[in-house]
Amino acid sequence: MRKITCTGKTSDEVEADRIAIVSAELKAKRNALMQPVINRIDRYRNQSALGVTTTDSADTYKALLQALEDYRSMPEQAGFPEVVTWPEIRY
């Protein structure tokens, strides 16, 4: 027999709602952390396109691209959003 909560939802539905909220909060935090990385990637690309000396090195640019990919793949981690490993950003 399914347990009905005071909201009229089953405990499974309440848990699904909770997980959706936690997931959305983590994605919002992740997106905020991604923005400075995206800005630096854009700056590198723009400077390269203009043919001017880039602020970041090519190695740093590649590390920024990897950091962005690591952030984007966070929701694919096993256990997300209950268990989250934040990317270790090196640049």
C-alpha atoms as a PDB file:
ATOM      1  CA  MET A   1       0.000   0.000   0.000  1.00  0.00           C
ATOM      2  CA  ARG A   2       1.305   3.469  -0.912  1.00  0.00           C
ATOM      3  CA  LYS A   3       1.582   6.046   1.817  1.00  0.00           C
ATOM      4  CA  ILE A   4      -0.183   9.346   1.074  1.00  0.00           C
ATOM      5  CA  THR A   5       1.286  12.496   2.616  1.00  0.00           C
ATOM      6  CA  CYS A   6      -0.587  15.570   3.819  1.00  0.00           C
ATOM      7  CA  THR A   7       0.032  17.123   0.389  1.00  0.00           C
ATOM      8  CA  GLY A   8      -1.971  14.384  -1.278  1.00  0.00           C
ATOM      9  CA  LYS A   9       1.153  12.995  -2.930  1.00  0.00           C
ATOM     10  CA  THR A  10       2.669   9.616  -2.377  1.00  0.00           C
ATOM     11  CA  SER A  11       5.975   9.452  -0.548  1.00  0.00           C
ATOM     12  CA  ASP A  12       7.598   8.532  -3.882  1.00  0.00           C
ATOM     13  CA  GLU A  13       6.170  11.673  -5.479  1.00  0.00           C
ATOM     14  CA  VAL A  14       7.368  13.820  -2.580  1.00  0.00           C
ATOM     15  CA  GLU A  15      10.842  12.296  -2.901  1.00  0.00           C
ATOM     16  CA  ALA A  16      10.862  12.902  -6.663  1.00  0.00           C
ATOM     17  CA  ASP A  17       9.933  16.543  -6.040  1.00  0.00           C
ATOM     18  CA  ARG A  18      12.715  16.885  -3.466  1.00  0.00           C
ATOM     19  CA  ILE A  19      15.281  15.418  -5.842  1.00  0.00           C
ATOM     20  CA  ALA A  20      14.117  17.762  -8.628  1.00  0.00           C
ATOM     21  CA  ILE A  21      14.557  20.766  -6.314  1.00  0.00           C
ATOM     22  CA  VAL A  22      18.023  19.673  -5.160  1.00  0.00           C
ATOM     23  CA  SER A  23      19.026  19.000  -8.761  1.00  0.00           C
ATOM     24  CA  ALA A  24      17.838  22.440  -9.890  1.00  0.00           C
ATOM     25  CA  GLU A  25      19.727  24.133  -7.039  1.00  0.00           C
ATOM     26  CA  LEU A  26      22.942  22.287  -7.864  1.00  0.00           C
ATOM     27  CA  LYS A  27      22.610  23.091 -11.561  1.00  0.00           C
ATOM     28  CA  ALA A  28      22.086  26.772 -10.743  1.00  0.00           C
ATOM     29  CA  LYS A  29      25.256  26.772  -8.616  1.00  0.00           C
ATOM     30  CA  ARG A  30      27.127  24.931 -11.371  1.00  0.00           C
ATOM     31  CA  ASN A  31      25.937  27.419 -13.986  1.00  0.00           C
ATOM     32  CA  ALA A  32      27.139  30.331 -11.854  1.00  0.00           C
ATOM     33  CA  LEU A  33      30.560  28.682 -11.510  1.00  0.00           C
ATOM     34  CA  MET A  34      30.706  28.023 -15.254  1.00  0.00           C
ATOM     35  CA  GLN A  35      30.203  31.663 -16.252  1.00  0.00           C
ATOM     36  CA  PRO A  36      33.720  32.935 -15.434  1.00  0.00           C
ATOM     37  CA  VAL A  37      35.152  29.936 -17.297  1.00  0.00           C
ATOM     38  CA  ILE A  38      32.975  30.683 -20.330  1.00  0.00           C
ATOM     39  CA  ASN A  39      34.050  34.332 -20.212  1.00  0.00           C
ATOM     40  CA  ARG A  40      37.739  33.388 -20.297  1.00  0.00           C
ATOM     41  CA  ILE A  41      37.168  30.932 -23.150  1.00  0.00           C
ATOM     42  CA  ASP A  42      35.347  33.632 -25.108  1.00  0.00           C
ATOM     43  CA  ARG A  43      38.127  36.151 -24.430  1.00  0.00           C
ATOM     44  CA  TYR A  44      40.769  33.683 -25.672  1.00  0.00           C
ATOM     45  CA  ARG A  45      38.765  32.933 -28.827  1.00  0.00           C
ATOM     46  CA  ASN A  46      38.166  36.620 -29.524  1.00  0.00           C
ATOM     47  CA  GLN A  47      41.798  37.544 -28.985  1.00  0.00           C
ATOM     48  CA  SER A  48      42.911  34.656 -31.215  1.00  0.00           C
ATOM     49  CA  ALA A  49      40.483  35.707 -33.940  1.00  0.00           C
ATOM     50  CA  LEU A  50      41.818  39.251 -33.794  1.00  0.00           C
ATOM     51  CA  GLY A  51      45.391  38.030 -33.962  1.00  0.00           C
ATOM     52  CA  VAL A  52      46.383  39.792 -30.757  1.00  0.00           C
ATOM     53  CA  THR A  53      48.393  38.339 -27.894  1.00  0.00           C
ATOM     54  CA  THR A  54      46.076  36.221 -25.769  1.00  0.00           C
ATOM     55  CA  THR A  55      45.748  36.782 -22.058  1.00  0.00           C
ATOM     56  CA  ASP A  56      45.760  33.038 -21.416  1.00  0.00           C
ATOM     57  CA  SER A  57      48.134  30.473 -22.876  1.00  0.00           C
ATOM     58  CA  ALA A  58      46.965  27.721 -25.204  1.00  0.00           C
ATOM     59  CA  ASP A  59      47.436  25.223 -22.350  1.00  0.00           C
ATOM     60  CA  THR A  60      45.256  27.327 -20.053  1.00  0.00           C
ATOM     61  CA  TYR A  61      42.647  27.574 -22.804  1.00  0.00           C
ATOM     62  CA  LYS A  62      42.553  23.776 -23.080  1.00  0.00           C
ATOM     63  CA  ALA A  63      42.273  23.478 -19.298  1.00  0.00           C
ATOM     64  CA  LEU A  64      39.360  25.928 -19.361  1.00  0.00           C
ATOM     65  CA  LEU A  65      37.647  23.852 -22.046  1.00  0.00           C
ATOM     66  CA  GLN A  66      38.114  20.729 -19.903  1.00  0.00           C
ATOM     67  CA  ALA A  67      36.757  22.553 -16.851  1.00  0.00           C
ATOM     68  CA  LEU A  68      33.670  23.567 -18.811  1.00  0.00           C
ATOM     69  CA  GLU A  69      33.139  19.996 -19.966  1.00  0.00           C
ATOM     70  CA  ASP A  70      33.555  18.718 -16.400  1.00  0.00           C
ATOM     71  CA  TYR A  71      30.898  21.162 -15.180  1.00  0.00           C
ATOM     72  CA  ARG A  72      28.532  20.229 -18.000  1.00  0.00           C
ATOM     73  CA  SER A  73      28.817  16.511 -17.277  1.00  0.00           C
ATOM     74  CA  MET A  74      28.114  16.824 -13.546  1.00  0.00           C
ATOM     75  CA  PRO A  75      24.437  15.763 -13.839  1.00  0.00           C
ATOM     76  CA  GLU A  76      25.624  12.523 -15.483  1.00  0.00           C
ATOM     77  CA  GLN A  77      27.559  11.496 -12.370  1.00  0.00           C
ATOM     78  CA  ALA A  78      26.350   8.356 -10.659  1.00  0.00           C
ATOM     79  CA  GLY A  79      24.205   9.341  -7.705  1.00  0.00           C
ATOM     80  CA  PHE A  80      23.486  12.906  -8.862  1.00  0.00           C
ATOM     81  CA  PRO A  81      22.051  14.944  -7.166  1.00  0.00           C
ATOM     82  CA  GLU A  82      22.423  13.027  -3.905  1.00  0.00           C
ATOM     83  CA  VAL A  83      26.150  12.503  -4.353  1.00  0.00           C
ATOM     84  CA  VAL A  84      28.066  15.197  -6.207  1.00  0.00           C
ATOM     85  CA  THR A  85      31.746  15.506  -6.963  1.00  0.00           C
ATOM     86  CA  TRP A  86      32.563  19.056  -7.940  1.00  0.00           C
ATOM     87  CA  PRO A  87      35.185  19.387 -10.669  1.00  0.00           C
ATOM     88  CA  GLU A  88      38.655  20.266  -9.533  1.00  0.00           C
ATOM     89  CA  ILE A  89      39.432  23.203 -11.772  1.00  0.00           C
ATOM     90  CA  ARG A  90      43.090  23.647 -12.716  1.00  0.00           C
ATOM     91  CA  TYR A  91      44.044  26.639 -14.807  1.00  0.00           C
END
